[in-house]
Amino acid sequence: MMTEQNITRINLDGKEVILIGTAHVSKQSAEQVKEVIEAEQPDSVAVELDEQRYQSVRDDNKWKNMNIFKVIKEKKATLLLMNMMISSFQNRVAKQFGIKPGQEMIQGVESAEEIGAELVLADRNIQTTFSRIWRSIGISGRAKLMLSVIFSIFNRETISEEELERMKSQDMLNTVMHEFTEAFPRLKKPLIDERDQYLAQKIREAPGNKVVAVLGAAHIPGIEKEIYREQDLKKLSTVPKKAKWPKVIAWMIPVIILSLIAYTFYMNPSAGYQQTLSWIIWNGSMSAIGAAVALGHPFAIITAFLVAPISSLNPLLAAGWFAGIVQASVKKPNVADFENLSEDVLTVKGFWRNKVTRILLIVVLTNVGSTLGTFIGGADVIRLFIENL
């Protein structure tokens, strides 16, 4: 007998819409999805996946096909590392219960195929969502988000399946979302609210008179509200333009640093030499420390040290890219590294052990070190300039 728990039924101008609120790592959720689709025989099934994630869940070889050099050159190392870290907690919980993460979405796809229903990939492109998040939360928000993500990897707590199922109740969800909004007020809009609108519109447009939608439970309240309104998918899919002021500041810093050093050399060559040495040592050392913390190869650490003082004066370059490419060249990931990637990202040790994630860590931590070196070295350049006025 089919249970109505976690199911919301909506009548939309004669179209019957059945929303299934799921937990993304719940075995019961996957079973319920199969049960509902088989019982309802809908014309179409909408799942909370975009094309990219759909290909990922269908392709067991997704990591093996990754080109690490291309990731670095396209400046996607930080995005990929963040994505892996965010997935880490969900994957650990899924492993705890012996299921695949997102099994309920996979089940929705398979059940749609079994009954011959139209499959609708209803979620917004994941990169668009990440870009809108990154642009909306500001520098302090980015730092706070990264720290939270990193902390989630160190968090080894386990939860019971009963606790997981309780999280799907509306009261619990509202509490969680309230806390989430307080911690990251600007994150909720692109991550939850906008996707509620996007998902609602895709469900509205799903063909047929009966639609089953498989969704994370957190989206159900928002979709219930938004599904009666016409949404602008083009507007929701637009990536906001980058603000001009960060680029202006990025170019102003090297201009100011070089001008101060040049003027100091003119006034006092000895002090100018000291400024130059301070800039090189601080930038090179902090960048090299970042590469070393990521357990980079000595050649990658040396590269970080040599490149950082120069790349810090050119916003189009980043020391981490060079260090990452050197690491990937001398410690090239093998087939086993890509095969073990989904398992290694479950632990902190695994992130450092796997050659693929170690390269990503080297890119990110080298750049973090270079940024710190720029501020410290720049402050010292200004100090020496003022002392020699």
Protein backbone atom coordinates (compact mmCIF):
# COMPACT_ATOMS: atom_id res chain seq x y z
CA MET A 1 0.00 0.00 0.00
CA MET A 2 1.37 3.40 -1.01
CA THR A 3 2.09 5.83 1.83
CA GLU A 4 1.21 9.53 1.41
CA GLN A 5 3.92 10.68 3.81
CA ASN A 6 6.27 13.26 2.19
CA ILE A 7 3.89 13.54 -0.81
CA THR A 8 2.21 16.81 -1.83
CA ARG A 9 -0.58 16.81 -4.42
CA ILE A 10 -1.34 19.96 -6.44
CA ASN A 11 -4.04 20.64 -9.03
CA LEU A 12 -2.69 23.08 -11.61
CA ASP A 13 -5.34 24.09 -14.15
CA GLY A 14 -6.42 20.48 -14.61
CA LYS A 15 -2.87 19.10 -14.45
CA GLU A 16 -2.16 16.84 -11.49
CA VAL A 17 1.25 17.46 -9.94
CA ILE A 18 2.62 15.07 -7.31
CA LEU A 19 5.67 16.30 -5.39
CA ILE A 20 7.79 13.73 -3.53
CA GLY A 21 9.94 15.35 -0.81
CA THR A 22 13.08 13.27 -0.36
CA ALA A 23 16.26 13.14 1.69
CA HIS A 24 19.15 12.84 -0.77
CA VAL A 25 20.77 9.95 1.11
CA SER A 26 17.72 8.02 2.30
CA LYS A 27 17.03 4.43 1.25
CA GLN A 28 13.34 4.91 2.14
CA SER A 29 13.18 7.92 -0.20
CA ALA A 30 14.44 5.88 -3.15
CA GLU A 31 11.95 3.11 -2.39
CA GLN A 32 9.09 5.61 -2.11
CA VAL A 33 10.00 7.20 -5.46
CA LYS A 34 9.77 3.80 -7.18
CA GLU A 35 6.49 3.01 -5.41
CA VAL A 36 4.80 6.32 -6.28
CA ILE A 37 5.84 6.37 -9.96
CA GLU A 38 4.70 2.77 -10.48
CA ALA A 39 1.37 3.44 -8.75
CA GLU A 40 0.63 6.82 -10.39
CA GLN A 41 1.85 6.02 -13.95
CA PRO A 42 2.52 9.73 -14.71
CA ASP A 43 2.97 11.18 -18.20
CA SER A 44 6.25 12.76 -17.13
CA VAL A 45 8.72 12.56 -14.24
CA ALA A 46 10.67 15.66 -13.19
CA VAL A 47 13.86 15.16 -11.20
CA GLU A 48 16.03 17.65 -9.31
CA LEU A 49 18.96 17.27 -11.71
CA ASP A 50 20.50 19.42 -14.42
CA GLU A 51 22.14 17.98 -17.53
CA GLN A 52 25.62 17.99 -15.96
CA ARG A 53 24.57 16.14 -12.80
CA TYR A 54 22.37 13.79 -14.83
CA GLN A 55 25.41 12.75 -16.88
CA SER A 56 27.39 12.34 -13.64
CA VAL A 57 24.91 9.99 -11.98
CA ARG A 58 24.60 7.94 -15.17
CA ASP A 59 28.35 7.77 -15.86
CA ASP A 60 30.37 5.72 -13.39
CA ASN A 61 33.56 6.74 -15.24
CA LYS A 62 33.03 10.52 -14.79
CA TRP A 63 36.24 10.97 -12.73
CA LYS A 64 38.33 8.85 -15.09
CA ASN A 65 37.45 11.19 -17.95
CA MET A 66 38.55 14.35 -16.11
CA ASN A 67 41.45 16.31 -17.61
CA ILE A 68 43.24 17.86 -14.63
CA PHE A 69 45.36 20.18 -16.83
CA LYS A 70 42.19 21.51 -18.47
CA VAL A 71 40.61 22.12 -15.04
CA ILE A 72 43.61 24.25 -13.97
CA LYS A 73 43.86 26.17 -17.25
CA GLU A 74 40.13 26.97 -17.23
CA LYS A 75 40.47 28.31 -13.65
CA LYS A 76 38.00 25.75 -12.28
CA ALA A 77 40.24 24.17 -9.62
CA THR A 78 38.66 26.07 -6.71
CA LEU A 79 35.13 25.39 -7.96
CA LEU A 80 35.86 21.66 -8.40
CA LEU A 81 37.51 21.38 -4.97
CA MET A 82 34.56 23.18 -3.32
CA ASN A 83 32.14 20.88 -5.13
CA MET A 84 34.02 17.81 -3.88
CA MET A 85 34.10 19.14 -0.33
CA ILE A 86 30.38 19.93 -0.36
CA SER A 87 29.64 16.43 -1.69
CA SER A 88 31.86 14.83 0.93
CA PHE A 89 29.34 14.97 3.80
CA GLN A 90 26.48 13.67 1.65
CA ASN A 91 28.67 10.85 0.32
CA ARG A 92 29.75 9.85 3.85
CA VAL A 93 26.15 9.64 5.05
CA ALA A 94 25.17 7.70 1.91
CA LYS A 95 28.01 5.24 2.53
CA GLN A 96 26.86 4.89 6.15
CA PHE A 97 23.50 3.61 4.87
CA GLY A 98 24.99 1.57 2.03
CA ILE A 99 23.41 3.53 -0.83
CA LYS A 100 24.56 5.83 -3.62
CA PRO A 101 24.21 9.58 -2.98
CA GLY A 102 21.25 10.83 -4.96
CA GLN A 103 19.85 7.30 -5.27
CA GLU A 104 16.30 8.67 -5.22
CA MET A 105 17.06 10.79 -8.31
CA ILE A 106 18.60 7.79 -10.08
CA GLN A 107 15.50 5.81 -9.12
CA GLY A 108 13.28 8.56 -10.57
CA VAL A 109 15.18 8.40 -13.87
CA GLU A 110 15.05 4.60 -14.00
CA SER A 111 11.36 4.41 -13.06
CA ALA A 112 10.48 7.01 -15.71
CA GLU A 113 12.25 4.86 -18.32
CA GLU A 114 10.49 1.70 -17.09
CA ILE A 115 6.98 3.12 -17.50
CA GLY A 116 7.78 5.13 -20.64
CA ALA A 117 7.23 8.54 -19.01
CA GLU A 118 8.90 11.70 -20.31
CA LEU A 119 11.96 12.58 -18.21
CA VAL A 120 12.31 16.26 -17.28
CA LEU A 121 15.65 17.53 -15.91
CA ALA A 122 14.13 20.28 -13.81
CA ASP A 123 17.05 21.88 -11.95
CA ARG A 124 19.15 24.86 -12.95
CA ASN A 125 22.68 24.33 -14.26
CA ILE A 126 24.92 23.72 -11.24
CA GLN A 127 27.65 26.08 -12.48
CA THR A 128 25.09 28.87 -12.91
CA THR A 129 23.95 28.30 -9.31
CA PHE A 130 27.54 28.31 -8.01
CA SER A 131 28.34 31.47 -9.98
CA ARG A 132 25.26 33.30 -8.68
CA ILE A 133 26.12 32.20 -5.12
CA TRP A 134 29.76 33.29 -5.44
CA ARG A 135 28.84 36.70 -6.86
CA SER A 136 26.12 37.39 -4.28
CA ILE A 137 27.78 36.61 -0.94
CA GLY A 138 30.79 38.94 -1.05
CA ILE A 139 34.36 38.38 0.13
CA SER A 140 33.51 37.78 3.81
CA GLY A 141 30.68 35.44 2.83
CA ARG A 142 33.03 33.44 0.59
CA ALA A 143 35.55 33.03 3.39
CA LYS A 144 32.81 32.00 5.83
CA LEU A 145 31.36 29.52 3.33
CA MET A 146 34.74 27.94 2.61
CA LEU A 147 35.45 27.55 6.33
CA SER A 148 32.06 25.89 6.84
CA VAL A 149 32.69 23.51 3.96
CA ILE A 150 36.16 22.63 5.26
CA PHE A 151 34.75 22.09 8.77
CA SER A 152 32.17 19.68 7.33
CA ILE A 153 35.01 17.40 6.16
CA PHE A 154 36.47 17.25 9.66
CA ASN A 155 33.04 16.58 11.18
CA ARG A 156 32.87 12.82 11.70
CA GLU A 157 29.40 12.69 13.27
CA THR A 158 26.99 10.02 12.06
CA ILE A 159 23.21 10.25 12.05
CA SER A 160 20.55 7.59 12.34
CA GLU A 161 18.13 6.91 9.50
CA GLU A 162 15.31 7.89 11.86
CA GLU A 163 16.95 11.32 12.29
CA LEU A 164 17.34 11.54 8.51
CA GLU A 165 13.66 10.80 7.95
CA ARG A 166 12.67 13.35 10.62
CA MET A 167 14.56 16.00 8.66
CA LYS A 168 11.95 15.63 5.92
CA SER A 169 9.13 16.87 8.14
CA GLN A 170 7.97 20.42 7.43
CA ASP A 171 8.58 21.66 10.99
CA MET A 172 12.14 20.38 11.07
CA LEU A 173 12.81 21.78 7.61
CA ASN A 174 11.55 25.23 8.52
CA THR A 175 13.84 25.22 11.57
CA VAL A 176 16.85 24.13 9.53
CA MET A 177 16.16 26.70 6.81
CA HIS A 178 15.76 29.45 9.43
CA GLU A 179 19.17 28.62 10.90
CA PHE A 180 20.66 28.34 7.42
CA THR A 181 19.32 31.78 6.45
CA GLU A 182 20.69 33.36 9.62
CA ALA A 183 24.17 31.91 9.00
CA PHE A 184 24.24 32.80 5.29
CA PRO A 185 21.43 35.28 4.58
CA ARG A 186 22.65 36.04 1.05
CA LEU A 187 23.19 32.37 0.22
CA LYS A 188 19.56 31.30 0.58
CA LYS A 189 18.29 33.32 -2.40
CA PRO A 190 20.46 31.75 -5.17
CA LEU A 191 20.70 28.31 -3.57
CA ILE A 192 17.09 27.77 -2.46
CA ASP A 193 14.65 30.52 -3.49
CA GLU A 194 15.74 30.92 -7.11
CA ARG A 195 15.94 27.18 -7.62
CA ASP A 196 12.44 26.82 -6.14
CA GLN A 197 11.25 29.20 -8.86
CA TYR A 198 13.23 27.41 -11.58
CA LEU A 199 12.06 23.95 -10.50
CA ALA A 200 8.45 25.15 -10.22
CA GLN A 201 8.48 26.49 -13.78
CA LYS A 202 10.05 23.32 -15.22
CA ILE A 203 7.39 21.24 -13.43
CA ARG A 204 4.67 23.56 -14.81
CA GLU A 205 6.01 23.02 -18.32
CA ALA A 206 6.37 19.23 -17.97
CA PRO A 207 4.26 17.50 -20.65
CA GLY A 208 1.12 15.53 -19.90
CA ASN A 209 -1.79 15.72 -17.46
CA LYS A 210 -0.02 13.98 -14.59
CA VAL A 211 3.49 14.86 -13.38
CA VAL A 212 5.53 13.30 -10.58
CA ALA A 213 8.40 15.47 -9.34
CA VAL A 214 11.26 14.02 -7.27
CA LEU A 215 12.72 16.81 -5.14
CA GLY A 216 14.81 17.45 -2.07
CA ALA A 217 12.38 18.08 0.79
CA ALA A 218 13.80 21.56 1.40
CA HIS A 219 12.33 22.72 -1.91
CA ILE A 220 8.75 21.56 -1.34
CA PRO A 221 7.44 24.61 0.63
CA GLY A 222 8.90 27.05 -1.91
CA ILE A 223 7.66 25.13 -4.94
CA GLU A 224 4.15 24.90 -3.45
CA LYS A 225 4.14 28.71 -3.37
CA GLU A 226 5.90 29.41 -6.69
CA ILE A 227 4.24 26.83 -8.94
CA TYR A 228 1.12 28.98 -9.43
CA ARG A 229 3.21 31.83 -10.88
CA GLU A 230 4.88 32.14 -14.28
CA GLN A 231 8.67 32.27 -13.82
CA ASP A 232 11.31 33.81 -16.12
CA LEU A 233 13.78 30.95 -16.71
CA LYS A 234 16.06 33.13 -18.86
CA LYS A 235 16.47 35.66 -16.06
CA LEU A 236 17.05 32.90 -13.48
CA SER A 237 19.74 31.37 -15.72
CA THR A 238 21.70 34.59 -16.22
CA VAL A 239 25.08 34.83 -14.51
CA PRO A 240 25.47 38.35 -13.04
CA LYS A 241 28.32 40.39 -14.46
CA LYS A 242 31.38 40.73 -12.28
CA ALA A 243 31.64 43.97 -10.36
CA LYS A 244 34.28 46.30 -11.79
CA TRP A 245 35.79 47.45 -8.49
CA PRO A 246 37.61 44.17 -7.65
CA LYS A 247 39.32 44.28 -11.05
CA VAL A 248 40.24 47.95 -10.54
CA ILE A 249 41.71 47.18 -7.10
CA ALA A 250 43.52 44.13 -8.50
CA TRP A 251 45.34 46.37 -11.00
CA MET A 252 45.82 49.26 -8.57
CA ILE A 253 47.77 47.12 -6.07
CA PRO A 254 50.66 46.27 -8.46
CA VAL A 255 50.73 49.83 -9.82
CA ILE A 256 51.02 51.24 -6.28
CA ILE A 257 53.60 48.66 -5.18
CA LEU A 258 55.81 49.17 -8.25
CA SER A 259 55.48 52.96 -7.99
CA LEU A 260 56.48 52.96 -4.31
CA ILE A 261 59.47 50.69 -4.95
CA ALA A 262 60.58 52.78 -7.98
CA TYR A 263 60.29 56.04 -6.01
CA THR A 264 62.14 54.57 -3.02
CA PHE A 265 64.93 53.34 -5.33
CA TYR A 266 65.19 56.90 -6.66
CA MET A 267 65.37 58.39 -3.15
CA ASN A 268 67.36 55.63 -1.44
CA PRO A 269 68.59 52.67 -3.55
CA SER A 270 69.43 50.67 -0.43
CA ALA A 271 65.87 51.00 0.91
CA GLY A 272 64.48 50.20 -2.56
CA TYR A 273 66.54 47.00 -2.62
CA GLN A 274 65.18 46.14 0.84
CA GLN A 275 61.60 46.72 -0.38
CA THR A 276 62.15 44.45 -3.37
CA LEU A 277 63.67 41.72 -1.21
CA SER A 278 60.80 41.98 1.29
CA TRP A 279 58.22 41.69 -1.53
CA ILE A 280 59.94 38.62 -2.99
CA ILE A 281 60.47 36.87 0.36
CA TRP A 282 56.97 37.45 1.72
CA ASN A 283 55.18 36.55 -1.53
CA GLY A 284 57.43 33.61 -2.35
CA SER A 285 57.52 32.20 1.18
CA MET A 286 53.78 32.40 1.87
CA SER A 287 52.98 30.90 -1.53
CA ALA A 288 55.54 28.11 -1.01
CA ILE A 289 54.12 27.40 2.45
CA GLY A 290 50.68 26.99 0.87
CA ALA A 291 52.07 24.47 -1.63
CA ALA A 292 53.95 22.68 1.15
CA VAL A 293 50.83 22.43 3.35
CA ALA A 294 49.17 20.71 0.39
CA LEU A 295 52.15 18.29 0.36
CA GLY A 296 53.34 19.50 -3.03
CA HIS A 297 56.38 18.08 -4.80
CA PRO A 298 59.59 20.08 -4.13
CA PHE A 299 59.47 21.34 -7.74
CA ALA A 300 55.91 22.61 -7.18
CA ILE A 301 56.95 24.35 -3.94
CA ILE A 302 59.96 25.98 -5.68
CA THR A 303 57.69 27.04 -8.56
CA ALA A 304 55.27 28.62 -6.09
CA PHE A 305 58.14 30.56 -4.49
CA LEU A 306 59.55 31.80 -7.81
CA VAL A 307 56.28 32.68 -9.53
CA ALA A 308 54.32 34.34 -6.68
CA PRO A 309 56.30 37.64 -6.52
CA ILE A 310 55.68 38.10 -10.26
CA SER A 311 52.10 36.77 -10.49
CA SER A 312 51.07 38.99 -7.56
CA LEU A 313 51.87 41.96 -9.79
CA ASN A 314 49.71 40.65 -12.63
CA PRO A 315 46.00 39.94 -11.92
CA LEU A 316 45.85 37.74 -15.03
CA LEU A 317 48.25 35.24 -13.45
CA ALA A 318 48.11 33.09 -10.30
CA ALA A 319 50.99 31.23 -8.65
CA GLY A 320 48.70 28.30 -7.86
CA TRP A 321 48.10 27.56 -11.54
CA PHE A 322 51.82 27.18 -12.21
CA ALA A 323 52.45 25.14 -9.06
CA GLY A 324 49.46 22.92 -9.89
CA ILE A 325 50.63 22.29 -13.46
CA VAL A 326 54.15 21.42 -12.24
CA GLN A 327 52.67 19.05 -9.62
CA ALA A 328 50.44 17.42 -12.26
CA SER A 329 53.47 16.98 -14.53
CA VAL A 330 55.85 15.41 -12.02
CA LYS A 331 53.18 13.50 -10.05
CA LYS A 332 50.70 12.74 -12.80
CA PRO A 333 47.52 11.07 -11.48
CA ASN A 334 47.07 7.49 -12.67
CA VAL A 335 43.93 5.49 -13.36
CA ALA A 336 43.77 4.28 -9.74
CA ASP A 337 43.69 7.88 -8.45
CA PHE A 338 40.63 8.68 -10.57
CA GLU A 339 38.99 5.37 -9.66
CA ASN A 340 39.53 6.01 -5.92
CA LEU A 341 38.50 9.66 -6.05
CA SER A 342 34.90 9.17 -4.90
CA GLU A 343 36.17 7.14 -1.93
CA ASP A 344 39.13 9.36 -1.04
CA VAL A 345 37.05 12.56 -0.77
CA LEU A 346 35.22 11.01 2.19
CA THR A 347 38.15 11.76 4.52
CA VAL A 348 40.58 14.60 5.18
CA LYS A 349 43.50 12.19 4.76
CA GLY A 350 42.06 11.07 1.43
CA PHE A 351 42.04 14.63 0.06
CA TRP A 352 45.79 14.84 0.65
CA ARG A 353 46.56 11.25 -0.36
CA ASN A 354 44.85 11.25 -3.74
CA LYS A 355 47.00 12.83 -6.46
CA VAL A 356 44.02 14.52 -8.12
CA THR A 357 42.72 16.32 -5.03
CA ARG A 358 46.27 17.09 -3.90
CA ILE A 359 46.80 19.01 -7.15
CA LEU A 360 43.59 20.97 -6.54
CA LEU A 361 44.70 21.67 -2.96
CA ILE A 362 48.07 22.90 -4.22
CA VAL A 363 46.37 25.31 -6.65
CA VAL A 364 44.03 26.70 -3.99
CA LEU A 365 46.43 26.84 -1.01
CA THR A 366 49.25 28.29 -3.11
CA ASN A 367 46.93 31.07 -4.24
CA VAL A 368 45.77 31.66 -0.66
CA GLY A 369 49.42 31.90 0.45
CA SER A 370 50.22 34.25 -2.41
CA THR A 371 47.30 36.51 -1.44
CA LEU A 372 48.51 36.65 2.19
CA GLY A 373 52.04 37.33 0.96
CA THR A 374 50.76 40.21 -1.18
CA PHE A 375 49.11 41.90 1.79
CA ILE A 376 52.04 41.34 4.18
CA GLY A 377 54.71 42.16 1.59
CA GLY A 378 52.74 45.17 0.39
CA ALA A 379 52.39 46.48 3.94
CA ASP A 380 56.15 46.14 4.42
CA VAL A 381 56.82 47.99 1.14
CA ILE A 382 54.60 50.85 2.37
CA ARG A 383 56.35 50.84 5.78
CA LEU A 384 59.80 51.15 4.19
CA PHE A 385 58.55 53.87 1.85
CA ILE A 386 57.19 55.95 4.76
CA GLU A 387 60.39 55.46 6.77
CA ASN A 388 62.46 56.81 3.87
CA LEU A 389 60.35 59.83 3.02
